[in-house]
Amino acid sequence: MANSAQARKRARQAERRRIQNSAKRSEFRTAIKKVLYAIESGEKDKAAEAYKAAVPTIDKMAGNGIINKNRAARHKSRLNGHIRAM
């Protein structure tokens, strides 16, 4: 348990950030899943539309430090490659 006032405040801040990061990470995963489901359904237009909606979300997560920028680039590249291969 935190003893000083500063340590208690940092613990509160860390908990608040953990909850926010968890929600953002979930949003990131959901955006990717929407694209993958559209790809599996075989509808290229729907997949391209889902991809266009997912890219800003992926970039936002990388910008906020939720995920690494290289991981974001890898996800975008692979999703785009799947759509092009359809």
PDB file of N, CA and C in Angstrom:
ATOM      1  N   MET A   1       0.845  -1.192   0.000  1.00  0.00           N
ATOM      2  CA  MET A   1       0.000   0.000   0.000  1.00  0.00           C
ATOM      3  C   MET A   1       0.884   1.246   0.000  1.00  0.00           C
ATOM      4  N   ALA A   2       0.438   2.255  -0.731  1.00  0.00           N
ATOM      5  CA  ALA A   2       1.197   3.495  -0.825  1.00  0.00           C
ATOM      6  C   ALA A   2       1.154   4.246   0.504  1.00  0.00           C
ATOM      7  N   ASN A   3       2.294   4.748   0.924  1.00  0.00           N
ATOM      8  CA  ASN A   3       2.377   5.423   2.221  1.00  0.00           C
ATOM      9  C   ASN A   3       2.255   6.936   2.110  1.00  0.00           C
ATOM     10  N   SER A   4       2.923   7.538   1.138  1.00  0.00           N
ATOM     11  CA  SER A   4       2.897   8.993   1.036  1.00  0.00           C
ATOM     12  C   SER A   4       1.716   9.447   0.186  1.00  0.00           C
ATOM     13  N   ALA A   5       1.375  10.706   0.318  1.00  0.00           N
ATOM     14  CA  ALA A   5       0.272  11.278  -0.462  1.00  0.00           C
ATOM     15  C   ALA A   5       0.585  11.202  -1.949  1.00  0.00           C
ATOM     16  N   GLN A   6       1.844  11.452  -2.283  1.00  0.00           N
ATOM     17  CA  GLN A   6       2.264  11.409  -3.688  1.00  0.00           C
ATOM     18  C   GLN A   6       2.096  10.001  -4.248  1.00  0.00           C
ATOM     19  N   ALA A   7       2.484   8.993  -3.467  1.00  0.00           N
ATOM     20  CA  ALA A   7       2.375   7.609  -3.923  1.00  0.00           C
ATOM     21  C   ALA A   7       0.915   7.200  -4.064  1.00  0.00           C
ATOM     22  N   ARG A   8       0.052   7.670  -3.166  1.00  0.00           N
ATOM     23  CA  ARG A   8      -1.386   7.362  -3.266  1.00  0.00           C
ATOM     24  C   ARG A   8      -1.979   7.983  -4.524  1.00  0.00           C
ATOM     25  N   LYS A   9      -1.575   9.215  -4.817  1.00  0.00           N
ATOM     26  CA  LYS A   9      -2.078   9.878  -6.021  1.00  0.00           C
ATOM     27  C   LYS A   9      -1.597   9.149  -7.277  1.00  0.00           C
ATOM     28  N   ARG A  10      -0.336   8.745  -7.294  1.00  0.00           N
ATOM     29  CA  ARG A  10       0.200   8.028  -8.454  1.00  0.00           C
ATOM     30  C   ARG A  10      -0.517   6.688  -8.645  1.00  0.00           C
ATOM     31  N   ALA A  11      -0.885   6.049  -7.544  1.00  0.00           N
ATOM     32  CA  ALA A  11      -1.629   4.792  -7.625  1.00  0.00           C
ATOM     33  C   ALA A  11      -3.015   5.029  -8.226  1.00  0.00           C
ATOM     34  N   ARG A  12      -3.657   6.114  -7.831  1.00  0.00           N
ATOM     35  CA  ARG A  12      -4.972   6.465  -8.407  1.00  0.00           C
ATOM     36  C   ARG A  12      -4.842   6.748  -9.899  1.00  0.00           C
ATOM     37  N   GLN A  13      -3.810   7.500 -10.271  1.00  0.00           N
ATOM     38  CA  GLN A  13      -3.599   7.827 -11.676  1.00  0.00           C
ATOM     39  C   GLN A  13      -3.308   6.578 -12.496  1.00  0.00           C
ATOM     40  N   ALA A  14      -2.508   5.690 -11.945  1.00  0.00           N
ATOM     41  CA  ALA A  14      -2.161   4.465 -12.663  1.00  0.00           C
ATOM     42  C   ALA A  14      -3.401   3.609 -12.896  1.00  0.00           C
ATOM     43  N   GLU A  15      -4.265   3.515 -11.897  1.00  0.00           N
ATOM     44  CA  GLU A  15      -5.495   2.725 -12.034  1.00  0.00           C
ATOM     45  C   GLU A  15      -6.413   3.334 -13.092  1.00  0.00           C
ATOM     46  N   ARG A  16      -6.535   4.661 -13.086  1.00  0.00           N
ATOM     47  CA  ARG A  16      -7.371   5.353 -14.067  1.00  0.00           C
ATOM     48  C   ARG A  16      -6.837   5.124 -15.476  1.00  0.00           C
ATOM     49  N   ARG A  17      -5.527   5.230 -15.639  1.00  0.00           N
ATOM     50  CA  ARG A  17      -4.917   5.015 -16.954  1.00  0.00           C
ATOM     51  C   ARG A  17      -5.055   3.563 -17.407  1.00  0.00           C
ATOM     52  N   ARG A  18      -4.932   2.624 -16.452  1.00  0.00           N
ATOM     53  CA  ARG A  18      -5.062   1.208 -16.792  1.00  0.00           C
ATOM     54  C   ARG A  18      -6.451   0.911 -17.357  1.00  0.00           C
ATOM     55  N   ILE A  19      -7.479   1.484 -16.751  1.00  0.00           N
ATOM     56  CA  ILE A  19      -8.847   1.274 -17.219  1.00  0.00           C
ATOM     57  C   ILE A  19      -9.047   1.903 -18.594  1.00  0.00           C
ATOM     58  N   GLN A  20      -8.538   3.115 -18.780  1.00  0.00           N
ATOM     59  CA  GLN A  20      -8.673   3.790 -20.073  1.00  0.00           C
ATOM     60  C   GLN A  20      -7.914   3.044 -21.164  1.00  0.00           C
ATOM     61  N   ASN A  21      -6.699   2.592 -20.858  1.00  0.00           N
ATOM     62  CA  ASN A  21      -5.907   1.857 -21.847  1.00  0.00           C
ATOM     63  C   ASN A  21      -6.572   0.543 -22.212  1.00  0.00           C
ATOM     64  N   SER A  22      -7.194  -0.102 -21.230  1.00  0.00           N
ATOM     65  CA  SER A  22      -7.890  -1.356 -21.487  1.00  0.00           C
ATOM     66  C   SER A  22      -9.047  -1.132 -22.453  1.00  0.00           C
ATOM     67  N   ALA A  23      -9.786  -0.059 -22.256  1.00  0.00           N
ATOM     68  CA  ALA A  23     -10.909   0.250 -23.142  1.00  0.00           C
ATOM     69  C   ALA A  23     -10.418   0.575 -24.548  1.00  0.00           C
ATOM     70  N   LYS A  24      -9.335   1.324 -24.641  1.00  0.00           N
ATOM     71  CA  LYS A  24      -8.786   1.678 -25.952  1.00  0.00           C
ATOM     72  C   LYS A  24      -8.244   0.450 -26.678  1.00  0.00           C
ATOM     73  N   ARG A  25      -7.603  -0.451 -25.926  1.00  0.00           N
ATOM     74  CA  ARG A  25      -7.083  -1.682 -26.511  1.00  0.00           C
ATOM     75  C   ARG A  25      -8.224  -2.540 -27.046  1.00  0.00           C
ATOM     76  N   SER A  26      -9.334  -2.550 -26.325  1.00  0.00           N
ATOM     77  CA  SER A  26     -10.512  -3.298 -26.762  1.00  0.00           C
ATOM     78  C   SER A  26     -11.077  -2.699 -28.048  1.00  0.00           C
ATOM     79  N   GLU A  27     -11.105  -1.376 -28.121  1.00  0.00           N
ATOM     80  CA  GLU A  27     -11.578  -0.687 -29.331  1.00  0.00           C
ATOM     81  C   GLU A  27     -10.689  -1.042 -30.530  1.00  0.00           C
ATOM     82  N   PHE A  28      -9.382  -1.105 -30.296  1.00  0.00           N
ATOM     83  CA  PHE A  28      -8.409  -1.471 -31.326  1.00  0.00           C
ATOM     84  C   PHE A  28      -8.680  -2.882 -31.848  1.00  0.00           C
ATOM     85  N   ARG A  29      -8.862  -3.823 -30.921  1.00  0.00           N
ATOM     86  CA  ARG A  29      -9.099  -5.212 -31.308  1.00  0.00           C
ATOM     87  C   ARG A  29     -10.422  -5.365 -32.055  1.00  0.00           C
ATOM     88  N   THR A  30     -11.446  -4.636 -31.621  1.00  0.00           N
ATOM     89  CA  THR A  30     -12.750  -4.703 -32.270  1.00  0.00           C
ATOM     90  C   THR A  30     -12.669  -4.192 -33.702  1.00  0.00           C
ATOM     91  N   ALA A  31     -11.926  -3.116 -33.918  1.00  0.00           N
ATOM     92  CA  ALA A  31     -11.778  -2.559 -35.263  1.00  0.00           C
ATOM     93  C   ALA A  31     -11.117  -3.572 -36.194  1.00  0.00           C
ATOM     94  N   ILE A  32     -10.110  -4.266 -35.692  1.00  0.00           N
ATOM     95  CA  ILE A  32      -9.419  -5.269 -36.506  1.00  0.00           C
ATOM     96  C   ILE A  32     -10.349  -6.443 -36.806  1.00  0.00           C
ATOM     97  N   LYS A  33     -11.104  -6.878 -35.800  1.00  0.00           N
ATOM     98  CA  LYS A  33     -12.025  -8.001 -35.989  1.00  0.00           C
ATOM     99  C   LYS A  33     -13.096  -7.679 -37.029  1.00  0.00           C
ATOM    100  N   LYS A  34     -13.568  -6.440 -37.043  1.00  0.00           N
ATOM    101  CA  LYS A  34     -14.579  -6.059 -38.032  1.00  0.00           C
ATOM    102  C   LYS A  34     -14.031  -6.220 -39.450  1.00  0.00           C
ATOM    103  N   VAL A  35     -12.775  -5.840 -39.634  1.00  0.00           N
ATOM    104  CA  VAL A  35     -12.157  -5.982 -40.950  1.00  0.00           C
ATOM    105  C   VAL A  35     -11.997  -7.462 -41.291  1.00  0.00           C
ATOM    106  N   LEU A  36     -11.531  -8.249 -40.338  1.00  0.00           N
ATOM    107  CA  LEU A  36     -11.320  -9.677 -40.584  1.00  0.00           C
ATOM    108  C   LEU A  36     -12.630 -10.394 -40.909  1.00  0.00           C
ATOM    109  N   TYR A  37     -13.705 -10.043 -40.202  1.00  0.00           N
ATOM    110  CA  TYR A  37     -15.006 -10.663 -40.492  1.00  0.00           C
ATOM    111  C   TYR A  37     -15.494 -10.280 -41.887  1.00  0.00           C
ATOM    112  N   ALA A  38     -15.250  -9.039 -42.281  1.00  0.00           N
ATOM    113  CA  ALA A  38     -15.651  -8.599 -43.619  1.00  0.00           C
ATOM    114  C   ALA A  38     -14.839  -9.337 -44.684  1.00  0.00           C
ATOM    115  N   ILE A  39     -13.563  -9.579 -44.405  1.00  0.00           N
ATOM    116  CA  ILE A  39     -12.720 -10.323 -45.346  1.00  0.00           C
ATOM    117  C   ILE A  39     -13.208 -11.762 -45.461  1.00  0.00           C
ATOM    118  N   GLU A  40     -13.529 -12.375 -44.328  1.00  0.00           N
ATOM    119  CA  GLU A  40     -14.011 -13.760 -44.330  1.00  0.00           C
ATOM    120  C   GLU A  40     -15.338 -13.912 -45.063  1.00  0.00           C
ATOM    121  N   SER A  41     -16.174 -12.875 -44.995  1.00  0.00           N
ATOM    122  CA  SER A  41     -17.462 -12.946 -45.672  1.00  0.00           C
ATOM    123  C   SER A  41     -17.298 -12.864 -47.193  1.00  0.00           C
ATOM    124  N   GLY A  42     -16.148 -12.379 -47.657  1.00  0.00           N
ATOM    125  CA  GLY A  42     -15.862 -12.337 -49.079  1.00  0.00           C
ATOM    126  C   GLY A  42     -16.347 -11.092 -49.794  1.00  0.00           C
ATOM    127  N   GLU A  43     -16.809 -10.105 -49.036  1.00  0.00           N
ATOM    128  CA  GLU A  43     -17.294  -8.859 -49.643  1.00  0.00           C
ATOM    129  C   GLU A  43     -16.170  -7.831 -49.613  1.00  0.00           C
ATOM    130  N   LYS A  44     -15.598  -7.598 -50.766  1.00  0.00           N
ATOM    131  CA  LYS A  44     -14.435  -6.706 -50.845  1.00  0.00           C
ATOM    132  C   LYS A  44     -14.792  -5.261 -50.493  1.00  0.00           C
ATOM    133  N   ASP A  45     -15.950  -4.786 -50.966  1.00  0.00           N
ATOM    134  CA  ASP A  45     -16.346  -3.404 -50.674  1.00  0.00           C
ATOM    135  C   ASP A  45     -16.545  -3.198 -49.178  1.00  0.00           C
ATOM    136  N   LYS A  46     -17.205  -4.156 -48.552  1.00  0.00           N
ATOM    137  CA  LYS A  46     -17.453  -4.068 -47.115  1.00  0.00           C
ATOM    138  C   LYS A  46     -16.134  -4.128 -46.339  1.00  0.00           C
ATOM    139  N   ALA A  47     -15.215  -4.977 -46.788  1.00  0.00           N
ATOM    140  CA  ALA A  47     -13.914  -5.099 -46.136  1.00  0.00           C
ATOM    141  C   ALA A  47     -13.106  -3.811 -46.284  1.00  0.00           C
ATOM    142  N   ALA A  48     -13.140  -3.213 -47.470  1.00  0.00           N
ATOM    143  CA  ALA A  48     -12.408  -1.963 -47.701  1.00  0.00           C
ATOM    144  C   ALA A  48     -12.969  -0.837 -46.844  1.00  0.00           C
ATOM    145  N   GLU A  49     -14.283  -0.819 -46.701  1.00  0.00           N
ATOM    146  CA  GLU A  49     -14.923   0.210 -45.874  1.00  0.00           C
ATOM    147  C   GLU A  49     -14.547   0.024 -44.400  1.00  0.00           C
ATOM    148  N   ALA A  50     -14.546  -1.222 -43.932  1.00  0.00           N
ATOM    149  CA  ALA A  50     -14.160  -1.507 -42.547  1.00  0.00           C
ATOM    150  C   ALA A  50     -12.692  -1.161 -42.319  1.00  0.00           C
ATOM    151  N   TYR A  51     -11.862  -1.400 -43.322  1.00  0.00           N
ATOM    152  CA  TYR A  51     -10.438  -1.076 -43.213  1.00  0.00           C
ATOM    153  C   TYR A  51     -10.238   0.433 -43.088  1.00  0.00           C
ATOM    154  N   LYS A  52     -10.972   1.195 -43.907  1.00  0.00           N
ATOM    155  CA  LYS A  52     -10.854   2.655 -43.843  1.00  0.00           C
ATOM    156  C   LYS A  52     -11.292   3.198 -42.486  1.00  0.00           C
ATOM    157  N   ALA A  53     -12.254   2.523 -41.859  1.00  0.00           N
ATOM    158  CA  ALA A  53     -12.697   2.934 -40.526  1.00  0.00           C
ATOM    159  C   ALA A  53     -11.696   2.512 -39.453  1.00  0.00           C
ATOM    160  N   ALA A  54     -10.979   1.421 -39.682  1.00  0.00           N
ATOM    161  CA  ALA A  54     -10.048   0.886 -38.684  1.00  0.00           C
ATOM    162  C   ALA A  54      -8.711   1.621 -38.668  1.00  0.00           C
ATOM    163  N   VAL A  55      -8.277   2.133 -39.796  1.00  0.00           N
ATOM    164  CA  VAL A  55      -6.955   2.764 -39.883  1.00  0.00           C
ATOM    165  C   VAL A  55      -6.796   3.939 -38.904  1.00  0.00           C
ATOM    166  N   PRO A  56      -7.747   4.879 -38.822  1.00  0.00           N
ATOM    167  CA  PRO A  56      -7.569   5.966 -37.844  1.00  0.00           C
ATOM    168  C   PRO A  56      -7.523   5.464 -36.400  1.00  0.00           C
ATOM    169  N   THR A  57      -8.297   4.425 -36.106  1.00  0.00           N
ATOM    170  CA  THR A  57      -8.285   3.861 -34.762  1.00  0.00           C
ATOM    171  C   THR A  57      -6.918   3.257 -34.453  1.00  0.00           C
ATOM    172  N   ILE A  58      -6.372   2.520 -35.402  1.00  0.00           N
ATOM    173  CA  ILE A  58      -5.055   1.897 -35.215  1.00  0.00           C
ATOM    174  C   ILE A  58      -3.988   2.973 -35.038  1.00  0.00           C
ATOM    175  N   ASP A  59      -4.043   4.016 -35.870  1.00  0.00           N
ATOM    176  CA  ASP A  59      -3.062   5.104 -35.768  1.00  0.00           C
ATOM    177  C   ASP A  59      -3.179   5.834 -34.430  1.00  0.00           C
ATOM    178  N   LYS A  60      -4.407   6.015 -33.964  1.00  0.00           N
ATOM    179  CA  LYS A  60      -4.628   6.706 -32.696  1.00  0.00           C
ATOM    180  C   LYS A  60      -4.022   5.907 -31.541  1.00  0.00           C
ATOM    181  N   MET A  61      -4.171   4.593 -31.580  1.00  0.00           N
ATOM    182  CA  MET A  61      -3.610   3.753 -30.514  1.00  0.00           C
ATOM    183  C   MET A  61      -2.085   3.813 -30.515  1.00  0.00           C
ATOM    184  N   ALA A  62      -1.497   3.846 -31.703  1.00  0.00           N
ATOM    185  CA  ALA A  62      -0.045   3.945 -31.796  1.00  0.00           C
ATOM    186  C   ALA A  62       0.427   5.314 -31.309  1.00  0.00           C
ATOM    187  N   GLY A  63      -0.320   6.347 -31.634  1.00  0.00           N
ATOM    188  CA  GLY A  63       0.044   7.692 -31.208  1.00  0.00           C
ATOM    189  C   GLY A  63      -0.051   7.883 -29.710  1.00  0.00           C
ATOM    190  N   ASN A  64      -0.999   7.193 -29.084  1.00  0.00           N
ATOM    191  CA  ASN A  64      -1.177   7.306 -27.635  1.00  0.00           C
ATOM    192  C   ASN A  64      -0.266   6.376 -26.857  1.00  0.00           C
ATOM    193  N   GLY A  65       0.472   5.531 -27.570  1.00  0.00           N
ATOM    194  CA  GLY A  65       1.385   4.634 -26.887  1.00  0.00           C
ATOM    195  C   GLY A  65       0.730   3.365 -26.368  1.00  0.00           C
ATOM    196  N   ILE A  66      -0.501   3.102 -26.789  1.00  0.00           N
ATOM    197  CA  ILE A  66      -1.188   1.881 -26.361  1.00  0.00           C
ATOM    198  C   ILE A  66      -0.528   0.671 -27.024  1.00  0.00           C
ATOM    199  N   ILE A  67      -0.186   0.840 -28.305  1.00  0.00           N
ATOM    200  CA  ILE A  67       0.548  -0.194 -29.026  1.00  0.00           C
ATOM    201  C   ILE A  67       1.763   0.452 -29.679  1.00  0.00           C
ATOM    202  N   ASN A  68       2.717  -0.379 -30.040  1.00  0.00           N
ATOM    203  CA  ASN A  68       3.930   0.105 -30.694  1.00  0.00           C
ATOM    204  C   ASN A  68       3.619   0.524 -32.129  1.00  0.00           C
ATOM    205  N   LYS A  69       4.310   1.540 -32.637  1.00  0.00           N
ATOM    206  CA  LYS A  69       4.040   2.036 -33.998  1.00  0.00           C
ATOM    207  C   LYS A  69       4.312   0.977 -35.058  1.00  0.00           C
ATOM    208  N   ASN A  70       5.297   0.115 -34.814  1.00  0.00           N
ATOM    209  CA  ASN A  70       5.580  -0.948 -35.779  1.00  0.00           C
ATOM    210  C   ASN A  70       4.472  -1.994 -35.784  1.00  0.00           C
ATOM    211  N   ARG A  71       3.881  -2.251 -34.629  1.00  0.00           N
ATOM    212  CA  ARG A  71       2.756  -3.185 -34.566  1.00  0.00           C
ATOM    213  C   ARG A  71       1.574  -2.621 -35.342  1.00  0.00           C
ATOM    214  N   ALA A  72       1.339  -1.321 -35.209  1.00  0.00           N
ATOM    215  CA  ALA A  72       0.252  -0.682 -35.944  1.00  0.00           C
ATOM    216  C   ALA A  72       0.491  -0.796 -37.446  1.00  0.00           C
ATOM    217  N   ALA A  73       1.711  -0.520 -37.868  1.00  0.00           N
ATOM    218  CA  ALA A  73       2.043  -0.605 -39.294  1.00  0.00           C
ATOM    219  C   ALA A  73       1.880  -2.033 -39.805  1.00  0.00           C
ATOM    220  N   ARG A  74       2.276  -3.006 -38.993  1.00  0.00           N
ATOM    221  CA  ARG A  74       2.158  -4.408 -39.384  1.00  0.00           C
ATOM    222  C   ARG A  74       0.696  -4.807 -39.565  1.00  0.00           C
ATOM    223  N   HIS A  75      -0.152  -4.389 -38.636  1.00  0.00           N
ATOM    224  CA  HIS A  75      -1.581  -4.705 -38.742  1.00  0.00           C
ATOM    225  C   HIS A  75      -2.192  -4.080 -39.992  1.00  0.00           C
ATOM    226  N   LYS A  76      -1.887  -2.812 -40.224  1.00  0.00           N
ATOM    227  CA  LYS A  76      -2.438  -2.134 -41.398  1.00  0.00           C
ATOM    228  C   LYS A  76      -1.967  -2.801 -42.685  1.00  0.00           C
ATOM    229  N   SER A  77      -0.687  -3.159 -42.739  1.00  0.00           N
ATOM    230  CA  SER A  77      -0.131  -3.773 -43.932  1.00  0.00           C
ATOM    231  C   SER A  77      -0.764  -5.133 -44.208  1.00  0.00           C
ATOM    232  N   ARG A  78      -0.903  -5.941 -43.182  1.00  0.00           N
ATOM    233  CA  ARG A  78      -1.461  -7.280 -43.370  1.00  0.00           C
ATOM    234  C   ARG A  78      -2.943  -7.224 -43.742  1.00  0.00           C
ATOM    235  N   LEU A  79      -3.703  -6.344 -43.089  1.00  0.00           N
ATOM    236  CA  LEU A  79      -5.115  -6.216 -43.418  1.00  0.00           C
ATOM    237  C   LEU A  79      -5.284  -5.741 -44.854  1.00  0.00           C
ATOM    238  N   ASN A  80      -4.485  -4.759 -45.257  1.00  0.00           N
ATOM    239  CA  ASN A  80      -4.555  -4.250 -46.603  1.00  0.00           C
ATOM    240  C   ASN A  80      -4.166  -5.331 -47.621  1.00  0.00           C
ATOM    241  N   GLY A  81      -3.172  -6.135 -47.273  1.00  0.00           N
ATOM    242  CA  GLY A  81      -2.763  -7.224 -48.149  1.00  0.00           C
ATOM    243  C   GLY A  81      -3.862  -8.257 -48.326  1.00  0.00           C
ATOM    244  N   HIS A  82      -4.578  -8.562 -47.260  1.00  0.00           N
ATOM    245  CA  HIS A  82      -5.712  -9.499 -47.355  1.00  0.00           C
ATOM    246  C   HIS A  82      -6.809  -8.955 -48.263  1.00  0.00           C
ATOM    247  N   ILE A  83      -7.066  -7.653 -48.136  1.00  0.00           N
ATOM    248  CA  ILE A  83      -8.128  -7.040 -48.959  1.00  0.00           C
ATOM    249  C   ILE A  83      -7.706  -7.033 -50.422  1.00  0.00           C
ATOM    250  N   ARG A  84      -6.462  -6.709 -50.707  1.00  0.00           N
ATOM    251  CA  ARG A  84      -5.990  -6.694 -52.091  1.00  0.00           C
ATOM    252  C   ARG A  84      -6.013  -8.079 -52.721  1.00  0.00           C
ATOM    253  N   ALA A  85      -5.802  -9.103 -51.896  1.00  0.00           N
ATOM    254  CA  ALA A  85      -5.772 -10.489 -52.408  1.00  0.00           C
ATOM    255  C   ALA A  85      -7.166 -11.036 -52.702  1.00  0.00           C
ATOM    256  N   MET A  86      -8.193 -10.321 -52.280  1.00  0.00           N
ATOM    257  CA  MET A  86      -9.571 -10.821 -52.493  1.00  0.00           C
ATOM    258  C   MET A  86      -9.945 -10.812 -53.962  1.00  0.00           C
TER     259      MET A  86
END
